[in-house]
Amino acid sequence: MQKFLEEAKKTSRTIANLDTHKKNRVLREMADALIANSDFILEHNNKDMSEGTLNNLSSALLDRLLLTQQRIEDMALAIKQIAEQKEPVGKTLEGWITEDGLNIQKISVPIGVIGIIYESRPNVTSDTAALCFKSGNVCVLKGGKEAEHSNKAIAKVLKEVLAKNKLPQQAISLLPDSTREGVANLIKQDKYVDLIVPRGGEALIRYVSENSSVPVIKHDKGLCHIFVDKDAAHNRIIDIAINAKCQRPGVCNSMETLLIHEEIAAYILPGLYDAFMEEETVLKGCEETAKYIDVQIATEDDYNTEYLANILNIKVVKNVDEAIEHIAIYGSGHSESILSENYTVVNKFLDHVDAACVYANASTRFTDGGAFGLGAEVGISTNKLHSRGPMGISDLTTFKYKIYGKGQIR
């Protein structure tokens, strides 16, 4: 492990100083290589899917794990979009002259070696590798055991492009020891690793956060809510609610609890119920909700659960203040939305809800690097420092001060 990370650290000095033109050209070649090798990647993904089925992985996990020709093309498109992003390294963030005549420039620089620990989704391998490369960082990737074949195939394709361009293949590496002990070792290597980004289940996030001596940016669970205000446009409510819950229930930006203003509950709940029944959604609700539609009674544990499945809590609340309070208690700081045409209420919600992304009249499903125009993201950070929300290339930089003098002494 130490020798592997020593090489990664050494490589980071090379990658940090690549010029923009070369980085973008290599990224475009990586995108083309993914498509050219799609049969090879799909063959290895089929092995993971077969093993996942044998191991009784949930339908949500299997959906995350699955690669198709279209998903590989989407991965390639994400890399091309990353290549088109503005150069994040070497930007002058600020500049000033001190009383002593020193010219101080605050310049963006790569973080260095970034360890990314993730589960299920093989596309994270290509997304994060491309994001790190564009931002001048070396990535050490630790994917889930369930996606081992897929991740190795994708990494092999990307590393071959590096070799073709006479760049060190250590710029994109899979952690050689993928056991729990390997992860435990990685997160203690603060001499070589500059940042750890864990994204996955609650247990993984907690373990890394509690045991890492390397700085951590958490990509924690998504307990997302939508509040339907009494002044919501009724023709939008069902479409947004169905999209937020049912389009891809197994992702972190899907809705887990729907909050309904009490003045429209009797009117709006039956229509929502019919729509969710068509989607075969399992509905749980408060006692007030149960007066209008057939639901299981939701418990305290339900409101604290990130289902990652086609299950939804519904709660009737008195007003926006009660909705904000509910989110303050149960939300995870990920994505929250309000549906309302009353912009006094909308702005109160947006100002008072503490989350990385707060929406008015839109689905929470837009919390995504691609949807935000970032090409892709390392993950959705629920940290407040130093990155929050979809973590793109600019979030993979830090800064240093360049100071130009003319012989000054203090």
Foldseek 3Di string as FASTA:
>chain_A
DVVLLVVQQVLLVVLQPDDLVVLLVLLLVLLVLLLVCVVVLQVLLVVLLVVCVVVVPDPLLSVQSDDDSVNSNLLSQLSNLLSVDDQLFFDFPDWDADPLRKTKTKTKTFLEEEEEEEERHLSLLSNVLSQQSSLSYAYEYAYHPSNVSNNVSSLVSSLVSCVVVVRDSSSRHYQPDNDPVSVLVVLAPVVRHAEYEYDDAPVVQVVSVVRGPHHYFYQYAAAEEEEEFPAFDLVQVQVQLCCLCQPQPQDRLRYAEYEYAPVCLLPRLVVNVVSLVVSVAQEEEDPSNVVRDPHHHDDPVSLQDSPSDRYHYYYYDHGLVVVLVSCVVRGLQAEYEYGHPPVVSVVVNVVRRRHLYYYYSHHSVCQFCVSVSQSGASHAGSDVPPDHTGHGNNNSIDIDMDIDDDPDDD
